[in-house]
């Protein structure tokens, strides 16, 4: 009888718990999505033929960065700077143009009210190399310019080759092809086009507007963005907002399969990084007389420890906001987990851990990238090397990661060398004008998009500007599916004319309405 009462009480408690979970789920305030928008209500963002031709000219200049800055071929950089000045004479006339450290480009558009904090737009004009392309021997292909082609649909497979030469700037099928079309000359030319159009309209900004274009973002930004940020700090500038690359609009279903709306991902922070080289010592000698464990075996054991002891997953504030914004478009059980994180957070984290992309948003990741033993098949190396790359979640630190590695290496003869490091960025607020205007302008061109904060996994130049602003937002208004995203730093990089036009309009409106 007593057991029956206990079971009955447990059953009632279970029903109450289920009721609480369901009620909290159906009453939880998820972000709202606009649907059934009449196309006639949308603004016209089609790019002009002139703007595309100017952009193509910039793509055709191979401003390829080099890991060793001093070995960079700067002739294309000189050519690009001259091309920009020749292409936008009105921008150079109205805005004060300057160079920092020879190739960093800075533009200053004076506003009417000097009491208002200025805003800053970033970009970079260096690009990554193209596999198999040697700029010293390559010939520039004749430009294909079919501006009025019927647009092709977005690619639906991963590209393995270029449809057109990588620095041809070919325009065909509603696309502009070439290295730098997505990363990152598209933003630079969109900003220049926006300023040029506003000048033509007789516009003068209320507050000062600054542009800063780096020349080495792809190889650390130490000579470009870092120097420019130092220049701004020396001048005593503090920016109301800074805008840079980072997030994009993920096409329906491409970021989270269940979300069939465009997902505008605004980076309000970015992960830090740490690369360590571990040198593990052991007994060397001839392979005919091996010890029970060589240095390479010890290295393998350490690799296993690093891989098995991942950093704990956690939901930091931008990701919590991300769940609140996108949760309304997810299935019932996902919504229940989001609405009841006090109980179901472990299940939510388990779901995030299933995908490499979402897993990277909730933890400091560990990637074993390189390993080295001896240089001969019959030689046992006295030292083995392992290289590990960590991407550090905001809230954690370089020192904390190093301490984690030291503990895992206890009992081994290991030397730990820091190859490169950078702390995670601070988190920018969402309840300010700098973030709010993104939502306002996005509503005019992508009214059905869910605009949400997130954490940028890769590094950007914007990190260097934390010394001059607390409000930094990493976002490009370009809609890409997962296959288009993969063309960045890869074969067949292209931007659609539609995306290029919307980007021009967006940055023009940001400058005009901030």
Foldseek 3Di string as FASTA:
>chain_A
DVVVVVVVVVVVVVVVVVVVLQVLLVPAQFADFDDDDDPVLFDDLFDDPLLLVLLLVLLLQQLAQDLPRVPGPCPSLVVNVVSLCVSQVVQVVQWPWDAFLVRKIKTKHAAPAAVDAEEEEEAASHFHDAPPDDVVPDDADAEAEPPPAAADPADDDADDAAPDPQSNLHQHNQWGWHTCQVRTVLLVSLLSLLVSVCVVVVDGFNHMYMYIYFSHFVNPCCSGLLRVLVVCVVVVHFHAEYEAAFWEFEAACQPPNLGHATAFEKAQWAWKKWKKKKKFFADKDWQVDDDPAFSVNLVVQLVVLDVVDFFDFAQDDQNLQVCSHRVVSDDSVSSSCSSPVVPNVVVNLVVLCVDPVSVLQGGWDKDWDDKDADPDPGIGRRIIMTMIMITGDPVDFPVNVVVVSVVSCPPTDMDMDIPDIDHIADGADCPDPNNVVLVVLCCSNRVRYRYGYGYRHDDGSCRSNVSRYRHYIHGQHAYDHPSQVVCNVHHTNMGGSVSSSSRSVSSSCVSHPD
